[in-house]
């Protein structure tokens, strides 16, 4: 019996097949470089049609140093205008 359920946005859940060893090797070869070039884990998951957890695990197994959550912060700029 096949039940289709919807996500909060009303889109049907996508059924994802398990990763094969070949697919895991391919993702392990490409994802770390994409992540290091500032791609988010969520963007990589969406692009590869895999879950956040799967992508995180592949990156972790590849020895990737993870960025802090929330993205890169903009540096504070000091007010340099002089008051006379």
Protein backbone atom coordinates (compact mmCIF):
# COMPACT_ATOMS: atom_id res chain seq x y z
CA UNK A 1 0.00 0.00 0.00
CA UNK A 2 1.44 3.33 -1.07
CA UNK A 3 0.44 6.38 1.00
CA UNK A 4 1.35 9.83 -0.25
CA UNK A 5 1.63 12.45 2.45
CA UNK A 6 2.28 16.12 2.02
CA UNK A 7 4.89 18.34 3.57
CA UNK A 8 3.99 21.55 5.39
CA UNK A 9 4.17 23.35 2.04
CA UNK A 10 1.69 20.94 0.48
CA UNK A 11 4.29 19.24 -1.70
CA UNK A 12 4.34 15.44 -1.65
CA UNK A 13 7.24 13.77 0.16
CA UNK A 14 9.89 12.50 -2.21
CA UNK A 15 10.87 8.90 -1.79
CA UNK A 16 14.62 8.63 -1.79
CA UNK A 17 16.34 5.38 -2.61
CA UNK A 18 19.20 4.27 -0.37
CA UNK A 19 22.69 5.37 -1.38
CA UNK A 20 24.72 2.81 -3.25
CA UNK A 21 28.43 2.47 -2.53
CA UNK A 22 29.18 4.08 -5.89
CA UNK A 23 26.89 7.05 -5.20
CA UNK A 24 28.43 7.52 -1.74
CA UNK A 25 31.95 7.55 -3.26
CA UNK A 26 30.85 10.09 -5.89
CA UNK A 27 29.25 12.36 -3.29
CA UNK A 28 32.27 11.98 -1.00
CA UNK A 29 34.48 13.16 -3.85
CA UNK A 30 32.43 16.25 -4.73
CA UNK A 31 30.55 17.48 -1.65
CA UNK A 32 33.49 18.48 0.57
CA UNK A 33 34.84 20.89 -2.07
CA UNK A 34 31.38 22.40 -2.62
CA UNK A 35 30.92 22.86 1.14
CA UNK A 36 34.36 24.47 1.47
CA UNK A 37 33.38 26.88 -1.32
CA UNK A 38 30.54 28.16 0.93
CA UNK A 39 27.65 25.92 -0.21
CA UNK A 40 25.33 25.13 2.71
CA UNK A 41 24.54 21.60 3.79
CA UNK A 42 20.87 22.28 3.01
CA UNK A 43 21.73 23.46 -0.52
CA UNK A 44 23.89 20.38 -1.09
CA UNK A 45 21.11 18.13 0.21
CA UNK A 46 18.56 19.69 -2.10
CA UNK A 47 20.88 19.58 -5.10
CA UNK A 48 21.76 15.91 -4.54
CA UNK A 49 18.20 14.90 -3.54
CA UNK A 50 19.48 13.57 -0.21
CA UNK A 51 18.64 14.42 3.38
CA UNK A 52 20.49 16.97 5.49
CA UNK A 53 21.61 14.13 7.78
CA UNK A 54 23.03 12.08 4.91
CA UNK A 55 25.01 15.03 3.57
CA UNK A 56 26.26 15.94 7.05
CA UNK A 57 27.43 12.35 7.62
CA UNK A 58 29.25 12.23 4.27
CA UNK A 59 31.00 15.53 5.06
CA UNK A 60 31.84 14.34 8.58
CA UNK A 61 33.30 11.08 7.25
CA UNK A 62 35.39 13.13 4.79
CA UNK A 63 36.92 15.07 7.70
CA UNK A 64 35.35 18.41 6.79
CA UNK A 65 35.70 21.21 9.35
CA UNK A 66 32.16 22.52 9.80
CA UNK A 67 31.30 26.21 9.90
CA UNK A 68 29.37 27.61 12.83
CA UNK A 69 25.56 27.51 12.42
CA UNK A 70 23.90 30.58 11.00
CA UNK A 71 26.37 31.39 8.27
CA UNK A 72 29.25 33.79 8.22
CA UNK A 73 28.79 36.98 10.20
CA UNK A 74 29.57 40.39 8.75
CA UNK A 75 32.38 42.18 10.59
CA UNK A 76 31.41 45.17 12.69
CA UNK A 77 32.40 48.44 11.11
CA UNK A 78 33.65 51.12 13.48
CA UNK A 79 32.19 54.56 13.10
CA UNK A 80 35.13 56.62 11.87
CA UNK A 81 33.36 59.95 11.43
CA UNK A 82 34.96 62.62 13.59
CA UNK A 83 32.82 64.95 15.63
CA UNK A 84 34.09 68.47 16.18
